[in-house]
Amino acid sequence: MLLTLFFKEYKLTVKNEGTFKGDLAVYQKQPDLEEMGAMRLAWFTKGSNPNTEVEFGWNVNYNFVWSEEGDLKPEVIFKATQIVDTDIKANNKK
């Protein structure tokens, strides 16, 4: 079976035109978080010096993840047992 994966690549370039070094953060928007009273987490962070550019890059890739069942508790580490890439438009069932 031939499986063609489609994913989008994204790039964001930010220039620090200030006079101080600082940290830059990129956040994901998830509308239902605000309804539940939760705060967004920073997705990417990078330091930046004055008059420098910082580049963030990522791609979107869909896959299926299977894992062992069990209760999630503090200090329990989730470890997937299998990850299978998929094409969400053409092959999203396994």
C-alpha atoms as a PDB file:
ATOM      1  CA  MET A   1       0.000   0.000   0.000  1.00  0.00           C
ATOM      2  CA  LEU A   2       1.351   3.417  -0.939  1.00  0.00           C
ATOM      3  CA  LEU A   3       0.604   6.109   1.617  1.00  0.00           C
ATOM      4  CA  THR A   4       1.254   9.709   0.624  1.00  0.00           C
ATOM      5  CA  LEU A   5       1.644  12.098   3.537  1.00  0.00           C
ATOM      6  CA  PHE A   6       0.687  15.713   3.200  1.00  0.00           C
ATOM      7  CA  PHE A   7       1.895  18.221   5.720  1.00  0.00           C
ATOM      8  CA  LYS A   8       2.233  21.960   5.812  1.00  0.00           C
ATOM      9  CA  GLU A   9       5.407  23.719   6.797  1.00  0.00           C
ATOM     10  CA  TYR A  10       5.171  26.991   8.657  1.00  0.00           C
ATOM     11  CA  LYS A  11       7.784  29.620   9.391  1.00  0.00           C
ATOM     12  CA  LEU A  12       7.596  32.697  11.604  1.00  0.00           C
ATOM     13  CA  THR A  13      10.415  35.250  11.700  1.00  0.00           C
ATOM     14  CA  VAL A  14      10.463  37.835  14.488  1.00  0.00           C
ATOM     15  CA  LYS A  15      12.896  40.772  14.683  1.00  0.00           C
ATOM     16  CA  ASN A  16      13.837  42.278  18.039  1.00  0.00           C
ATOM     17  CA  GLU A  17      14.056  45.989  17.252  1.00  0.00           C
ATOM     18  CA  GLY A  18      14.355  46.894  20.936  1.00  0.00           C
ATOM     19  CA  THR A  19      17.448  47.804  22.906  1.00  0.00           C
ATOM     20  CA  PHE A  20      17.210  44.926  25.385  1.00  0.00           C
ATOM     21  CA  LYS A  21      17.549  41.179  25.042  1.00  0.00           C
ATOM     22  CA  GLY A  22      14.429  39.217  25.839  1.00  0.00           C
ATOM     23  CA  ASP A  23      12.456  36.023  25.377  1.00  0.00           C
ATOM     24  CA  LEU A  24       9.922  35.451  22.608  1.00  0.00           C
ATOM     25  CA  ALA A  25       7.037  33.010  22.931  1.00  0.00           C
ATOM     26  CA  VAL A  26       4.591  31.553  20.409  1.00  0.00           C
ATOM     27  CA  TYR A  27       1.272  30.253  21.720  1.00  0.00           C
ATOM     28  CA  GLN A  28      -1.284  27.940  20.127  1.00  0.00           C
ATOM     29  CA  LYS A  29      -4.878  29.110  20.110  1.00  0.00           C
ATOM     30  CA  GLN A  30      -7.379  26.571  21.323  1.00  0.00           C
ATOM     31  CA  PRO A  31     -10.787  28.228  21.826  1.00  0.00           C
ATOM     32  CA  ASP A  32     -12.250  25.680  24.233  1.00  0.00           C
ATOM     33  CA  LEU A  33      -9.451  26.229  26.767  1.00  0.00           C
ATOM     34  CA  GLU A  34     -10.749  29.684  27.669  1.00  0.00           C
ATOM     35  CA  GLU A  35     -14.259  28.299  28.194  1.00  0.00           C
ATOM     36  CA  MET A  36     -12.843  25.818  30.705  1.00  0.00           C
ATOM     37  CA  GLY A  37     -10.902  28.539  32.518  1.00  0.00           C
ATOM     38  CA  ALA A  38      -7.514  27.103  31.486  1.00  0.00           C
ATOM     39  CA  MET A  39      -4.551  29.115  30.277  1.00  0.00           C
ATOM     40  CA  ARG A  40      -2.618  28.455  27.091  1.00  0.00           C
ATOM     41  CA  LEU A  41       0.865  26.997  27.263  1.00  0.00           C
ATOM     42  CA  ALA A  42       3.804  28.446  25.354  1.00  0.00           C
ATOM     43  CA  TRP A  43       4.457  26.259  22.330  1.00  0.00           C
ATOM     44  CA  PHE A  44       7.881  27.631  21.361  1.00  0.00           C
ATOM     45  CA  THR A  45      10.223  29.978  23.203  1.00  0.00           C
ATOM     46  CA  LYS A  46      13.561  31.461  22.150  1.00  0.00           C
ATOM     47  CA  GLY A  47      15.866  34.155  23.465  1.00  0.00           C
ATOM     48  CA  SER A  48      16.580  37.233  21.358  1.00  0.00           C
ATOM     49  CA  ASN A  49      19.248  39.920  21.440  1.00  0.00           C
ATOM     50  CA  PRO A  50      18.692  43.491  20.191  1.00  0.00           C
ATOM     51  CA  ASN A  51      18.602  43.868  16.395  1.00  0.00           C
ATOM     52  CA  THR A  52      18.496  40.123  15.747  1.00  0.00           C
ATOM     53  CA  GLU A  53      15.970  37.922  14.013  1.00  0.00           C
ATOM     54  CA  VAL A  54      14.625  34.719  15.503  1.00  0.00           C
ATOM     55  CA  GLU A  55      12.993  32.072  13.347  1.00  0.00           C
ATOM     56  CA  PHE A  56      10.402  29.549  14.497  1.00  0.00           C
ATOM     57  CA  GLY A  57       9.619  26.652  12.158  1.00  0.00           C
ATOM     58  CA  TRP A  58       7.231  23.715  12.373  1.00  0.00           C
ATOM     59  CA  ASN A  59       5.052  21.441  10.303  1.00  0.00           C
ATOM     60  CA  VAL A  60       1.714  19.764  10.820  1.00  0.00           C
ATOM     61  CA  ASN A  61       1.760  16.004  10.493  1.00  0.00           C
ATOM     62  CA  TYR A  62      -1.194  13.799  11.453  1.00  0.00           C
ATOM     63  CA  ASN A  63      -0.778  10.337  12.909  1.00  0.00           C
ATOM     64  CA  PHE A  64      -2.478   7.673  14.973  1.00  0.00           C
ATOM     65  CA  VAL A  65      -1.096   6.857  18.413  1.00  0.00           C
ATOM     66  CA  TRP A  66      -1.786   3.689  20.405  1.00  0.00           C
ATOM     67  CA  SER A  67      -0.612   3.108  23.936  1.00  0.00           C
ATOM     68  CA  GLU A  68      -1.115   0.844  26.884  1.00  0.00           C
ATOM     69  CA  GLU A  69      -4.170   1.587  28.998  1.00  0.00           C
ATOM     70  CA  GLY A  70      -3.914   2.781  32.564  1.00  0.00           C
ATOM     71  CA  ASP A  71      -4.731   5.595  34.931  1.00  0.00           C
ATOM     72  CA  LEU A  72      -2.716   8.776  34.470  1.00  0.00           C
ATOM     73  CA  LYS A  73      -1.417   9.993  37.817  1.00  0.00           C
ATOM     74  CA  PRO A  74       1.172  12.516  38.923  1.00  0.00           C
ATOM     75  CA  GLU A  75       4.680  11.325  38.063  1.00  0.00           C
ATOM     76  CA  VAL A  76       3.388   8.807  35.472  1.00  0.00           C
ATOM     77  CA  ILE A  77       5.103   9.195  32.090  1.00  0.00           C
ATOM     78  CA  PHE A  78       2.961   8.553  28.990  1.00  0.00           C
ATOM     79  CA  LYS A  79       4.913   6.488  26.466  1.00  0.00           C
ATOM     80  CA  ALA A  80       3.260   5.618  23.161  1.00  0.00           C
ATOM     81  CA  THR A  81       3.707   2.051  22.008  1.00  0.00           C
ATOM     82  CA  GLN A  82       3.027   2.739  18.330  1.00  0.00           C
ATOM     83  CA  ILE A  83       2.769   5.815  16.093  1.00  0.00           C
ATOM     84  CA  VAL A  84       1.486   5.478  12.510  1.00  0.00           C
ATOM     85  CA  ASP A  85       1.534   8.425  10.097  1.00  0.00           C
ATOM     86  CA  THR A  86      -1.610   9.091   8.081  1.00  0.00           C
ATOM     87  CA  ASP A  87      -3.033  11.381   5.450  1.00  0.00           C
ATOM     88  CA  ILE A  88      -6.063  12.999   7.057  1.00  0.00           C
ATOM     89  CA  LYS A  89      -7.793  13.622   3.722  1.00  0.00           C
ATOM     90  CA  ALA A  90      -7.217  10.299   1.987  1.00  0.00           C
ATOM     91  CA  ASN A  91      -6.443   7.671   4.601  1.00  0.00           C
ATOM     92  CA  ASN A  92      -7.669   8.554   8.073  1.00  0.00           C
ATOM     93  CA  LYS A  93      -8.786   5.071   9.155  1.00  0.00           C
ATOM     94  CA  LYS A  94      -6.608   2.180  10.174  1.00  0.00           C
END
